[in-house]
Amino acid sequence: MNVYDTANKLALELRESKEYREYKLAKQKIMENNDFKSKIEEFEKGRYDVQVLALRGNQEDNEKIARLQELYSELVQIPEIKNYFDLEVKFNILVADVNKIIGEAIKDIL
């Protein structure tokens, strides 16, 4: 089996994983609810803005961070959104673990 076949098999297994399927279903349900969708989009925009500031090495914008934390606290009070966030974390951990395994296998040449 060549590397590309293995990568394609891994991609298929990721899509068939419990973490992927549950996260995808939760995301679909969130996106069907316009109120939830707009709240998640607002949160994602805020999270992106804070990450960009951090990557650029700019001084932290405490107001943006506080607003993001406040919004997150509000969102996790909604069971469907909390579930969505929890499943997002589980899926991201799975992907990070796979990336770590691959990285470990090739670290001697990086």
PDB file of N, CA and C in Angstrom:
ATOM      1  N   MET A   1       0.851  -1.177   0.000  1.00  0.00           N
ATOM      2  CA  MET A   1       0.000   0.000   0.000  1.00  0.00           C
ATOM      3  C   MET A   1       0.896   1.239   0.000  1.00  0.00           C
ATOM      4  N   ASN A   2       0.572   2.198  -0.859  1.00  0.00           N
ATOM      5  CA  ASN A   2       1.402   3.397  -0.886  1.00  0.00           C
ATOM      6  C   ASN A   2       0.845   4.456   0.063  1.00  0.00           C
ATOM      7  N   VAL A   3       1.614   5.502   0.276  1.00  0.00           N
ATOM      8  CA  VAL A   3       1.260   6.547   1.232  1.00  0.00           C
ATOM      9  C   VAL A   3      -0.077   7.204   0.887  1.00  0.00           C
ATOM     10  N   TYR A   4      -0.328   7.428  -0.389  1.00  0.00           N
ATOM     11  CA  TYR A   4      -1.581   8.073  -0.788  1.00  0.00           C
ATOM     12  C   TYR A   4      -2.791   7.187  -0.488  1.00  0.00           C
ATOM     13  N   ASP A   5      -2.639   5.899  -0.705  1.00  0.00           N
ATOM     14  CA  ASP A   5      -3.725   4.977  -0.359  1.00  0.00           C
ATOM     15  C   ASP A   5      -3.987   5.007   1.144  1.00  0.00           C
ATOM     16  N   THR A   6      -2.917   5.014   1.911  1.00  0.00           N
ATOM     17  CA  THR A   6      -3.046   5.062   3.369  1.00  0.00           C
ATOM     18  C   THR A   6      -3.704   6.368   3.813  1.00  0.00           C
ATOM     19  N   ALA A   7      -3.302   7.479   3.212  1.00  0.00           N
ATOM     20  CA  ALA A   7      -3.886   8.784   3.559  1.00  0.00           C
ATOM     21  C   ALA A   7      -5.376   8.801   3.220  1.00  0.00           C
ATOM     22  N   ASN A   8      -5.738   8.253   2.082  1.00  0.00           N
ATOM     23  CA  ASN A   8      -7.151   8.194   1.705  1.00  0.00           C
ATOM     24  C   ASN A   8      -7.945   7.302   2.650  1.00  0.00           C
ATOM     25  N   LYS A   9      -7.323   6.213   3.082  1.00  0.00           N
ATOM     26  CA  LYS A   9      -7.979   5.321   4.049  1.00  0.00           C
ATOM     27  C   LYS A   9      -8.162   6.047   5.378  1.00  0.00           C
ATOM     28  N   LEU A  10      -7.146   6.776   5.797  1.00  0.00           N
ATOM     29  CA  LEU A  10      -7.240   7.549   7.036  1.00  0.00           C
ATOM     30  C   LEU A  10      -8.352   8.596   6.930  1.00  0.00           C
ATOM     31  N   ALA A  11      -8.422   9.277   5.803  1.00  0.00           N
ATOM     32  CA  ALA A  11      -9.468  10.285   5.602  1.00  0.00           C
ATOM     33  C   ALA A  11     -10.855   9.646   5.720  1.00  0.00           C
ATOM     34  N   LEU A  12     -11.022   8.490   5.118  1.00  0.00           N
ATOM     35  CA  LEU A  12     -12.298   7.780   5.194  1.00  0.00           C
ATOM     36  C   LEU A  12     -12.604   7.376   6.630  1.00  0.00           C
ATOM     37  N   GLU A  13     -11.604   6.881   7.342  1.00  0.00           N
ATOM     38  CA  GLU A  13     -11.812   6.468   8.725  1.00  0.00           C
ATOM     39  C   GLU A  13     -12.145   7.661   9.622  1.00  0.00           C
ATOM     40  N   LEU A  14     -11.546   8.804   9.344  1.00  0.00           N
ATOM     41  CA  LEU A  14     -11.885  10.009  10.105  1.00  0.00           C
ATOM     42  C   LEU A  14     -13.350  10.376   9.878  1.00  0.00           C
ATOM     43  N   ARG A  15     -13.781  10.329   8.633  1.00  0.00           N
ATOM     44  CA  ARG A  15     -15.175  10.671   8.310  1.00  0.00           C
ATOM     45  C   ARG A  15     -16.169   9.664   8.894  1.00  0.00           C
ATOM     46  N   GLU A  16     -15.720   8.450   9.116  1.00  0.00           N
ATOM     47  CA  GLU A  16     -16.580   7.419   9.681  1.00  0.00           C
ATOM     48  C   GLU A  16     -16.490   7.355  11.202  1.00  0.00           C
ATOM     49  N   SER A  17     -15.598   8.140  11.786  1.00  0.00           N
ATOM     50  CA  SER A  17     -15.408   8.092  13.236  1.00  0.00           C
ATOM     51  C   SER A  17     -16.624   8.655  13.962  1.00  0.00           C
ATOM     52  N   LYS A  18     -16.811   8.181  15.165  1.00  0.00           N
ATOM     53  CA  LYS A  18     -17.898   8.667  16.022  1.00  0.00           C
ATOM     54  C   LYS A  18     -17.756  10.172  16.248  1.00  0.00           C
ATOM     55  N   GLU A  19     -16.536  10.620  16.481  1.00  0.00           N
ATOM     56  CA  GLU A  19     -16.288  12.035  16.742  1.00  0.00           C
ATOM     57  C   GLU A  19     -16.726  12.901  15.561  1.00  0.00           C
ATOM     58  N   TYR A  20     -16.364  12.491  14.361  1.00  0.00           N
ATOM     59  CA  TYR A  20     -16.732  13.242  13.159  1.00  0.00           C
ATOM     60  C   TYR A  20     -18.243  13.246  12.966  1.00  0.00           C
ATOM     61  N   ARG A  21     -18.855  12.066  13.037  1.00  0.00           N
ATOM     62  CA  ARG A  21     -20.287  11.958  12.774  1.00  0.00           C
ATOM     63  C   ARG A  21     -21.111  12.761  13.785  1.00  0.00           C
ATOM     64  N   GLU A  22     -20.740  12.670  15.060  1.00  0.00           N
ATOM     65  CA  GLU A  22     -21.492  13.398  16.082  1.00  0.00           C
ATOM     66  C   GLU A  22     -21.305  14.905  15.934  1.00  0.00           C
ATOM     67  N   TYR A  23     -20.085  15.327  15.645  1.00  0.00           N
ATOM     68  CA  TYR A  23     -19.812  16.753  15.472  1.00  0.00           C
ATOM     69  C   TYR A  23     -20.554  17.292  14.248  1.00  0.00           C
ATOM     70  N   LYS A  24     -20.529  16.544  13.155  1.00  0.00           N
ATOM     71  CA  LYS A  24     -21.204  16.975  11.934  1.00  0.00           C
ATOM     72  C   LYS A  24     -22.702  17.117  12.168  1.00  0.00           C
ATOM     73  N   LEU A  25     -23.300  16.164  12.852  1.00  0.00           N
ATOM     74  CA  LEU A  25     -24.734  16.217  13.134  1.00  0.00           C
ATOM     75  C   LEU A  25     -25.063  17.415  14.027  1.00  0.00           C
ATOM     76  N   ALA A  26     -24.268  17.638  15.055  1.00  0.00           N
ATOM     77  CA  ALA A  26     -24.499  18.773  15.952  1.00  0.00           C
ATOM     78  C   ALA A  26     -24.366  20.090  15.193  1.00  0.00           C
ATOM     79  N   LYS A  27     -23.378  20.166  14.311  1.00  0.00           N
ATOM     80  CA  LYS A  27     -23.177  21.386  13.524  1.00  0.00           C
ATOM     81  C   LYS A  27     -24.367  21.632  12.590  1.00  0.00           C
ATOM     82  N   GLN A  28     -24.859  20.581  11.967  1.00  0.00           N
ATOM     83  CA  GLN A  28     -26.023  20.717  11.083  1.00  0.00           C
ATOM     84  C   GLN A  28     -27.229  21.250  11.856  1.00  0.00           C
ATOM     85  N   LYS A  29     -27.445  20.718  13.064  1.00  0.00           N
ATOM     86  CA  LYS A  29     -28.581  21.167  13.876  1.00  0.00           C
ATOM     87  C   LYS A  29     -28.426  22.630  14.273  1.00  0.00           C
ATOM     88  N   ILE A  30     -27.208  23.023  14.624  1.00  0.00           N
ATOM     89  CA  ILE A  30     -26.952  24.416  15.001  1.00  0.00           C
ATOM     90  C   ILE A  30     -27.219  25.332  13.806  1.00  0.00           C
ATOM     91  N   MET A  31     -26.743  24.954  12.631  1.00  0.00           N
ATOM     92  CA  MET A  31     -26.868  25.798  11.446  1.00  0.00           C
ATOM     93  C   MET A  31     -28.304  25.894  10.936  1.00  0.00           C
ATOM     94  N   GLU A  32     -29.159  24.959  11.332  1.00  0.00           N
ATOM     95  CA  GLU A  32     -30.568  25.018  10.950  1.00  0.00           C
ATOM     96  C   GLU A  32     -31.350  26.025  11.793  1.00  0.00           C
ATOM     97  N   ASN A  33     -30.795  26.403  12.921  1.00  0.00           N
ATOM     98  CA  ASN A  33     -31.446  27.349  13.818  1.00  0.00           C
ATOM     99  C   ASN A  33     -30.782  28.714  13.606  1.00  0.00           C
ATOM    100  N   ASN A  34     -31.495  29.645  12.998  1.00  0.00           N
ATOM    101  CA  ASN A  34     -30.897  30.938  12.635  1.00  0.00           C
ATOM    102  C   ASN A  34     -30.341  31.698  13.834  1.00  0.00           C
ATOM    103  N   ASP A  35     -31.012  31.613  14.973  1.00  0.00           N
ATOM    104  CA  ASP A  35     -30.533  32.295  16.179  1.00  0.00           C
ATOM    105  C   ASP A  35     -29.211  31.685  16.647  1.00  0.00           C
ATOM    106  N   PHE A  36     -29.170  30.355  16.731  1.00  0.00           N
ATOM    107  CA  PHE A  36     -27.935  29.676  17.135  1.00  0.00           C
ATOM    108  C   PHE A  36     -26.827  29.951  16.128  1.00  0.00           C
ATOM    109  N   LYS A  37     -27.181  29.879  14.855  1.00  0.00           N
ATOM    110  CA  LYS A  37     -26.192  30.081  13.795  1.00  0.00           C
ATOM    111  C   LYS A  37     -25.548  31.457  13.912  1.00  0.00           C
ATOM    112  N   SER A  38     -26.349  32.491  14.106  1.00  0.00           N
ATOM    113  CA  SER A  38     -25.783  33.841  14.190  1.00  0.00           C
ATOM    114  C   SER A  38     -24.927  34.006  15.441  1.00  0.00           C
ATOM    115  N   LYS A  39     -25.330  33.378  16.546  1.00  0.00           N
ATOM    116  CA  LYS A  39     -24.536  33.450  17.773  1.00  0.00           C
ATOM    117  C   LYS A  39     -23.192  32.742  17.596  1.00  0.00           C
ATOM    118  N   ILE A  40     -23.211  31.589  16.965  1.00  0.00           N
ATOM    119  CA  ILE A  40     -21.967  30.843  16.717  1.00  0.00           C
ATOM    120  C   ILE A  40     -21.076  31.633  15.768  1.00  0.00           C
ATOM    121  N   GLU A  41     -21.658  32.206  14.735  1.00  0.00           N
ATOM    122  CA  GLU A  41     -20.859  32.995  13.783  1.00  0.00           C
ATOM    123  C   GLU A  41     -20.224  34.203  14.463  1.00  0.00           C
ATOM    124  N   GLU A  42     -20.964  34.851  15.339  1.00  0.00           N
ATOM    125  CA  GLU A  42     -20.409  35.978  16.099  1.00  0.00           C
ATOM    126  C   GLU A  42     -19.247  35.515  16.976  1.00  0.00           C
ATOM    127  N   PHE A  43     -19.439  34.376  17.632  1.00  0.00           N
ATOM    128  CA  PHE A  43     -18.377  33.826  18.478  1.00  0.00           C
ATOM    129  C   PHE A  43     -17.148  33.465  17.651  1.00  0.00           C
ATOM    130  N   GLU A  44     -17.360  32.786  16.525  1.00  0.00           N
ATOM    131  CA  GLU A  44     -16.239  32.374  15.670  1.00  0.00           C
ATOM    132  C   GLU A  44     -15.474  33.590  15.140  1.00  0.00           C
ATOM    133  N   LYS A  45     -16.184  34.654  14.795  1.00  0.00           N
ATOM    134  CA  LYS A  45     -15.519  35.867  14.325  1.00  0.00           C
ATOM    135  C   LYS A  45     -14.676  36.465  15.442  1.00  0.00           C
ATOM    136  N   GLY A  46     -15.233  36.508  16.634  1.00  0.00           N
ATOM    137  CA  GLY A  46     -14.485  37.028  17.774  1.00  0.00           C
ATOM    138  C   GLY A  46     -13.273  36.186  18.093  1.00  0.00           C
ATOM    139  N   ARG A  47     -13.422  34.872  18.029  1.00  0.00           N
ATOM    140  CA  ARG A  47     -12.291  33.970  18.291  1.00  0.00           C
ATOM    141  C   ARG A  47     -11.206  34.172  17.240  1.00  0.00           C
ATOM    142  N   TYR A  48     -11.610  34.317  15.994  1.00  0.00           N
ATOM    143  CA  TYR A  48     -10.651  34.552  14.912  1.00  0.00           C
ATOM    144  C   TYR A  48      -9.899  35.864  15.140  1.00  0.00           C
ATOM    145  N   ASP A  49     -10.626  36.914  15.474  1.00  0.00           N
ATOM    146  CA  ASP A  49      -9.988  38.215  15.704  1.00  0.00           C
ATOM    147  C   ASP A  49      -8.954  38.142  16.822  1.00  0.00           C
ATOM    148  N   VAL A  50      -9.287  37.452  17.900  1.00  0.00           N
ATOM    149  CA  VAL A  50      -8.361  37.318  19.023  1.00  0.00           C
ATOM    150  C   VAL A  50      -7.135  36.502  18.610  1.00  0.00           C
ATOM    151  N   GLN A  51      -7.334  35.450  17.826  1.00  0.00           N
ATOM    152  CA  GLN A  51      -6.211  34.631  17.357  1.00  0.00           C
ATOM    153  C   GLN A  51      -5.298  35.433  16.430  1.00  0.00           C
ATOM    154  N   VAL A  52      -5.874  36.247  15.564  1.00  0.00           N
ATOM    155  CA  VAL A  52      -5.076  37.074  14.659  1.00  0.00           C
ATOM    156  C   VAL A  52      -4.227  38.062  15.463  1.00  0.00           C
ATOM    157  N   LEU A  53      -4.830  38.667  16.458  1.00  0.00           N
ATOM    158  CA  LEU A  53      -4.069  39.594  17.306  1.00  0.00           C
ATOM    159  C   LEU A  53      -2.889  38.877  17.960  1.00  0.00           C
ATOM    160  N   ALA A  54      -3.131  37.679  18.452  1.00  0.00           N
ATOM    161  CA  ALA A  54      -2.067  36.915  19.109  1.00  0.00           C
ATOM    162  C   ALA A  54      -0.962  36.541  18.120  1.00  0.00           C
ATOM    163  N   LEU A  55      -1.343  36.130  16.922  1.00  0.00           N
ATOM    164  CA  LEU A  55      -0.351  35.740  15.915  1.00  0.00           C
ATOM    165  C   LEU A  55       0.499  36.918  15.455  1.00  0.00           C
ATOM    166  N   ARG A  56      -0.096  38.074  15.402  1.00  0.00           N
ATOM    167  CA  ARG A  56       0.624  39.266  14.967  1.00  0.00           C
ATOM    168  C   ARG A  56       1.500  39.836  16.074  1.00  0.00           C
ATOM    169  N   GLY A  57       1.335  39.284  17.260  1.00  0.00           N
ATOM    170  CA  GLY A  57       2.123  39.768  18.371  1.00  0.00           C
ATOM    171  C   GLY A  57       1.666  41.112  18.881  1.00  0.00           C
ATOM    172  N   ASN A  58       0.474  41.516  18.462  1.00  0.00           N
ATOM    173  CA  ASN A  58      -0.070  42.787  18.938  1.00  0.00           C
ATOM    174  C   ASN A  58      -0.392  42.686  20.414  1.00  0.00           C
ATOM    175  N   GLN A  59      -0.419  43.838  21.021  1.00  0.00           N
ATOM    176  CA  GLN A  59      -0.807  43.880  22.406  1.00  0.00           C
ATOM    177  C   GLN A  59      -2.215  43.307  22.511  1.00  0.00           C
ATOM    178  N   GLU A  60      -2.427  42.505  23.538  1.00  0.00           N
ATOM    179  CA  GLU A  60      -3.735  41.892  23.687  1.00  0.00           C
ATOM    180  C   GLU A  60      -4.814  42.954  23.808  1.00  0.00           C
ATOM    181  N   ASP A  61      -5.901  42.706  23.140  1.00  0.00           N
ATOM    182  CA  ASP A  61      -7.051  43.586  23.240  1.00  0.00           C
ATOM    183  C   ASP A  61      -7.962  42.999  24.315  1.00  0.00           C
ATOM    184  N   ASN A  62      -7.782  43.476  25.528  1.00  0.00           N
ATOM    185  CA  ASN A  62      -8.512  42.913  26.664  1.00  0.00           C
ATOM    186  C   ASN A  62     -10.022  43.026  26.509  1.00  0.00           C
ATOM    187  N   GLU A  63     -10.467  44.062  25.846  1.00  0.00           N
ATOM    188  CA  GLU A  63     -11.900  44.237  25.635  1.00  0.00           C
ATOM    189  C   GLU A  63     -12.443  43.125  24.732  1.00  0.00           C
ATOM    190  N   LYS A  64     -11.727  42.805  23.656  1.00  0.00           N
ATOM    191  CA  LYS A  64     -12.172  41.740  22.746  1.00  0.00           C
ATOM    192  C   LYS A  64     -12.155  40.385  23.451  1.00  0.00           C
ATOM    193  N   ILE A  65     -11.119  40.159  24.230  1.00  0.00           N
ATOM    194  CA  ILE A  65     -11.012  38.885  24.950  1.00  0.00           C
ATOM    195  C   ILE A  65     -12.138  38.762  25.973  1.00  0.00           C
ATOM    196  N   ALA A  66     -12.395  39.826  26.699  1.00  0.00           N
ATOM    197  CA  ALA A  66     -13.475  39.813  27.695  1.00  0.00           C
ATOM    198  C   ALA A  66     -14.826  39.581  27.029  1.00  0.00           C
ATOM    199  N   ARG A  67     -15.048  40.219  25.894  1.00  0.00           N
ATOM    200  CA  ARG A  67     -16.310  40.035  25.166  1.00  0.00           C
ATOM    201  C   ARG A  67     -16.448  38.593  24.679  1.00  0.00           C
ATOM    202  N   LEU A  68     -15.346  38.028  24.209  1.00  0.00           N
ATOM    203  CA  LEU A  68     -15.365  36.643  23.740  1.00  0.00           C
ATOM    204  C   LEU A  68     -15.675  35.696  24.900  1.00  0.00           C
ATOM    205  N   GLN A  69     -15.060  35.924  26.038  1.00  0.00           N
ATOM    206  CA  GLN A  69     -15.318  35.080  27.205  1.00  0.00           C
ATOM    207  C   GLN A  69     -16.763  35.218  27.674  1.00  0.00           C
ATOM    208  N   GLU A  70     -17.269  36.428  27.634  1.00  0.00           N
ATOM    209  CA  GLU A  70     -18.657  36.679  28.022  1.00  0.00           C
ATOM    210  C   GLU A  70     -19.617  35.967  27.066  1.00  0.00           C
ATOM    211  N   LEU A  71     -19.348  36.071  25.791  1.00  0.00           N
ATOM    212  CA  LEU A  71     -20.190  35.419  24.791  1.00  0.00           C
ATOM    213  C   LEU A  71     -20.147  33.903  24.957  1.00  0.00           C
ATOM    214  N   TYR A  72     -18.949  33.359  25.188  1.00  0.00           N
ATOM    215  CA  TYR A  72     -18.816  31.919  25.400  1.00  0.00           C
ATOM    216  C   TYR A  72     -19.639  31.488  26.615  1.00  0.00           C
ATOM    217  N   SER A  73     -19.542  32.242  27.705  1.00  0.00           N
ATOM    218  CA  SER A  73     -20.300  31.915  28.923  1.00  0.00           C
ATOM    219  C   SER A  73     -21.797  31.896  28.651  1.00  0.00           C
ATOM    220  N   GLU A  74     -22.255  32.819  27.831  1.00  0.00           N
ATOM    221  CA  GLU A  74     -23.672  32.856  27.463  1.00  0.00           C
ATOM    222  C   GLU A  74     -24.041  31.651  26.604  1.00  0.00           C
ATOM    223  N   LEU A  75     -23.180  31.339  25.651  1.00  0.00           N
ATOM    224  CA  LEU A  75     -23.489  30.268  24.703  1.00  0.00           C
ATOM    225  C   LEU A  75     -23.534  28.895  25.368  1.00  0.00           C
ATOM    226  N   VAL A  76     -22.636  28.639  26.312  1.00  0.00           N
ATOM    227  CA  VAL A  76     -22.618  27.306  26.929  1.00  0.00           C
ATOM    228  C   VAL A  76     -23.800  27.083  27.867  1.00  0.00           C
ATOM    229  N   GLN A  77     -24.593  28.120  28.091  1.00  0.00           N
ATOM    230  CA  GLN A  77     -25.818  27.957  28.865  1.00  0.00           C
ATOM    231  C   GLN A  77     -26.928  27.331  28.012  1.00  0.00           C
ATOM    232  N   ILE A  78     -26.727  27.336  26.701  1.00  0.00           N
ATOM    233  CA  ILE A  78     -27.695  26.744  25.772  1.00  0.00           C
ATOM    234  C   ILE A  78     -27.245  25.310  25.509  1.00  0.00           C
ATOM    235  N   PRO A  79     -28.022  24.318  25.947  1.00  0.00           N
ATOM    236  CA  PRO A  79     -27.564  22.919  25.857  1.00  0.00           C
ATOM    237  C   PRO A  79     -27.101  22.485  24.463  1.00  0.00           C
ATOM    238  N   GLU A  80     -27.824  22.901  23.426  1.00  0.00           N
ATOM    239  CA  GLU A  80     -27.444  22.480  22.070  1.00  0.00           C
ATOM    240  C   GLU A  80     -26.091  23.065  21.669  1.00  0.00           C
ATOM    241  N   ILE A  81     -25.850  24.288  22.058  1.00  0.00           N
ATOM    242  CA  ILE A  81     -24.576  24.924  21.705  1.00  0.00           C
ATOM    243  C   ILE A  81     -23.448  24.354  22.553  1.00  0.00           C
ATOM    244  N   LYS A  82     -23.709  24.103  23.828  1.00  0.00           N
ATOM    245  CA  LYS A  82     -22.682  23.475  24.672  1.00  0.00           C
ATOM    246  C   LYS A  82     -22.290  22.120  24.098  1.00  0.00           C
ATOM    247  N   ASN A  83     -23.285  21.348  23.699  1.00  0.00           N
ATOM    248  CA  ASN A  83     -23.018  20.044  23.092  1.00  0.00           C
ATOM    249  C   ASN A  83     -22.177  20.201  21.826  1.00  0.00           C
ATOM    250  N   TYR A  84     -22.528  21.173  21.006  1.00  0.00           N
ATOM    251  CA  TYR A  84     -21.774  21.457  19.779  1.00  0.00           C
ATOM    252  C   TYR A  84     -20.317  21.766  20.104  1.00  0.00           C
ATOM    253  N   PHE A  85     -20.090  22.651  21.073  1.00  0.00           N
ATOM    254  CA  PHE A  85     -18.717  23.000  21.462  1.00  0.00           C
ATOM    255  C   PHE A  85     -17.964  21.779  21.996  1.00  0.00           C
ATOM    256  N   ASP A  86     -18.635  20.974  22.825  1.00  0.00           N
ATOM    257  CA  ASP A  86     -17.994  19.776  23.385  1.00  0.00           C
ATOM    258  C   ASP A  86     -17.583  18.803  22.285  1.00  0.00           C
ATOM    259  N   LEU A  87     -18.474  18.614  21.315  1.00  0.00           N
ATOM    260  CA  LEU A  87     -18.167  17.696  20.212  1.00  0.00           C
ATOM    261  C   LEU A  87     -17.088  18.265  19.296  1.00  0.00           C
ATOM    262  N   GLU A  88     -17.066  19.572  19.140  1.00  0.00           N
ATOM    263  CA  GLU A  88     -16.016  20.221  18.355  1.00  0.00           C
ATOM    264  C   GLU A  88     -14.654  19.959  19.000  1.00  0.00           C
ATOM    265  N   VAL A  89     -14.582  20.073  20.312  1.00  0.00           N
ATOM    266  CA  VAL A  89     -13.333  19.825  21.032  1.00  0.00           C
ATOM    267  C   VAL A  89     -12.903  18.370  20.859  1.00  0.00           C
ATOM    268  N   LYS A  90     -13.830  17.434  21.014  1.00  0.00           N
ATOM    269  CA  LYS A  90     -13.494  16.014  20.859  1.00  0.00           C
ATOM    270  C   LYS A  90     -12.949  15.718  19.465  1.00  0.00           C
ATOM    271  N   PHE A  91     -13.589  16.285  18.449  1.00  0.00           N
ATOM    272  CA  PHE A  91     -13.116  16.052  17.082  1.00  0.00           C
ATOM    273  C   PHE A  91     -11.743  16.684  16.869  1.00  0.00           C
ATOM    274  N   ASN A  92     -11.552  17.893  17.375  1.00  0.00           N
ATOM    275  CA  ASN A  92     -10.255  18.560  17.225  1.00  0.00           C
ATOM    276  C   ASN A  92      -9.144  17.805  17.946  1.00  0.00           C
ATOM    277  N   ILE A  93      -9.462  17.180  19.074  1.00  0.00           N
ATOM    278  CA  ILE A  93      -8.470  16.365  19.777  1.00  0.00           C
ATOM    279  C   ILE A  93      -8.087  15.163  18.919  1.00  0.00           C
ATOM    280  N   LEU A  94      -9.076  14.540  18.309  1.00  0.00           N
ATOM    281  CA  LEU A  94      -8.803  13.398  17.425  1.00  0.00           C
ATOM    282  C   LEU A  94      -7.855  13.812  16.297  1.00  0.00           C
ATOM    283  N   VAL A  95      -8.158  14.907  15.629  1.00  0.00           N
ATOM    284  CA  VAL A  95      -7.323  15.374  14.519  1.00  0.00           C
ATOM    285  C   VAL A  95      -5.922  15.747  15.025  1.00  0.00           C
ATOM    286  N   ALA A  96      -5.837  16.391  16.170  1.00  0.00           N
ATOM    287  CA  ALA A  96      -4.534  16.761  16.740  1.00  0.00           C
ATOM    288  C   ALA A  96      -3.725  15.518  17.080  1.00  0.00           C
ATOM    289  N   ASP A  97      -4.380  14.497  17.614  1.00  0.00           N
ATOM    290  CA  ASP A  97      -3.679  13.256  17.932  1.00  0.00           C
ATOM    291  C   ASP A  97      -3.122  12.597  16.673  1.00  0.00           C
ATOM    292  N   VAL A  98      -3.923  12.578  15.616  1.00  0.00           N
ATOM    293  CA  VAL A  98      -3.462  11.996  14.346  1.00  0.00           C
ATOM    294  C   VAL A  98      -2.272  12.799  13.812  1.00  0.00           C
ATOM    295  N   ASN A  99      -2.368  14.119  13.858  1.00  0.00           N
ATOM    296  CA  ASN A  99      -1.252  14.958  13.406  1.00  0.00           C
ATOM    297  C   ASN A  99      -0.001  14.720  14.240  1.00  0.00           C
ATOM    298  N   LYS A 100      -0.175  14.525  15.534  1.00  0.00           N
ATOM    299  CA  LYS A 100       0.976  14.262  16.412  1.00  0.00           C
ATOM    300  C   LYS A 100       1.645  12.940  16.034  1.00  0.00           C
ATOM    301  N   ILE A 101       0.845  11.931  15.781  1.00  0.00           N
ATOM    302  CA  ILE A 101       1.393  10.624  15.387  1.00  0.00           C
ATOM    303  C   ILE A 101       2.196  10.755  14.092  1.00  0.00           C
ATOM    304  N   ILE A 102       1.648  11.464  13.131  1.00  0.00           N
ATOM    305  CA  ILE A 102       2.350  11.658  11.857  1.00  0.00           C
ATOM    306  C   ILE A 102       3.615  12.478  12.086  1.00  0.00           C
ATOM    307  N   GLY A 103       3.515  13.531  12.871  1.00  0.00           N
ATOM    308  CA  GLY A 103       4.675  14.363  13.166  1.00  0.00           C
ATOM    309  C   GLY A 103       5.788  13.598  13.857  1.00  0.00           C
ATOM    310  N   GLU A 104       5.409  12.748  14.786  1.00  0.00           N
ATOM    311  CA  GLU A 104       6.410  11.933  15.489  1.00  0.00           C
ATOM    312  C   GLU A 104       7.139  10.994  14.523  1.00  0.00           C
ATOM    313  N   ALA A 105       6.410  10.498  13.544  1.00  0.00           N
ATOM    314  CA  ALA A 105       7.001   9.549  12.603  1.00  0.00           C
ATOM    315  C   ALA A 105       8.043  10.217  11.700  1.00  0.00           C
ATOM    316  N   ILE A 106       7.929  11.516  11.497  1.00  0.00           N
ATOM    317  CA  ILE A 106       8.846  12.200  10.574  1.00  0.00           C
ATOM    318  C   ILE A 106       9.708  13.276  11.252  1.00  0.00           C
ATOM    319  N   LYS A 107       9.691  13.310  12.567  1.00  0.00           N
ATOM    320  CA  LYS A 107      10.383  14.375  13.283  1.00  0.00           C
ATOM    321  C   LYS A 107      11.891  14.379  13.051  1.00  0.00           C
ATOM    322  N   ASP A 108      12.446  13.240  12.695  1.00  0.00           N
ATOM    323  CA  ASP A 108      13.893  13.180  12.508  1.00  0.00           C
ATOM    324  C   ASP A 108      14.362  13.951  11.264  1.00  0.00           C
ATOM    325  N   ILE A 109      13.444  14.301  10.370  1.00  0.00           N
ATOM    326  CA  ILE A 109      13.860  15.072   9.189  1.00  0.00           C
ATOM    327  C   ILE A 109      13.316  16.494   9.188  1.00  0.00           C
ATOM    328  N   LEU A 110      12.565  16.841  10.208  1.00  0.00           N
ATOM    329  CA  LEU A 110      12.000  18.191  10.262  1.00  0.00           C
ATOM    330  C   LEU A 110      12.924  19.137  10.987  1.00  0.00           C
TER     331      LEU A 110
END
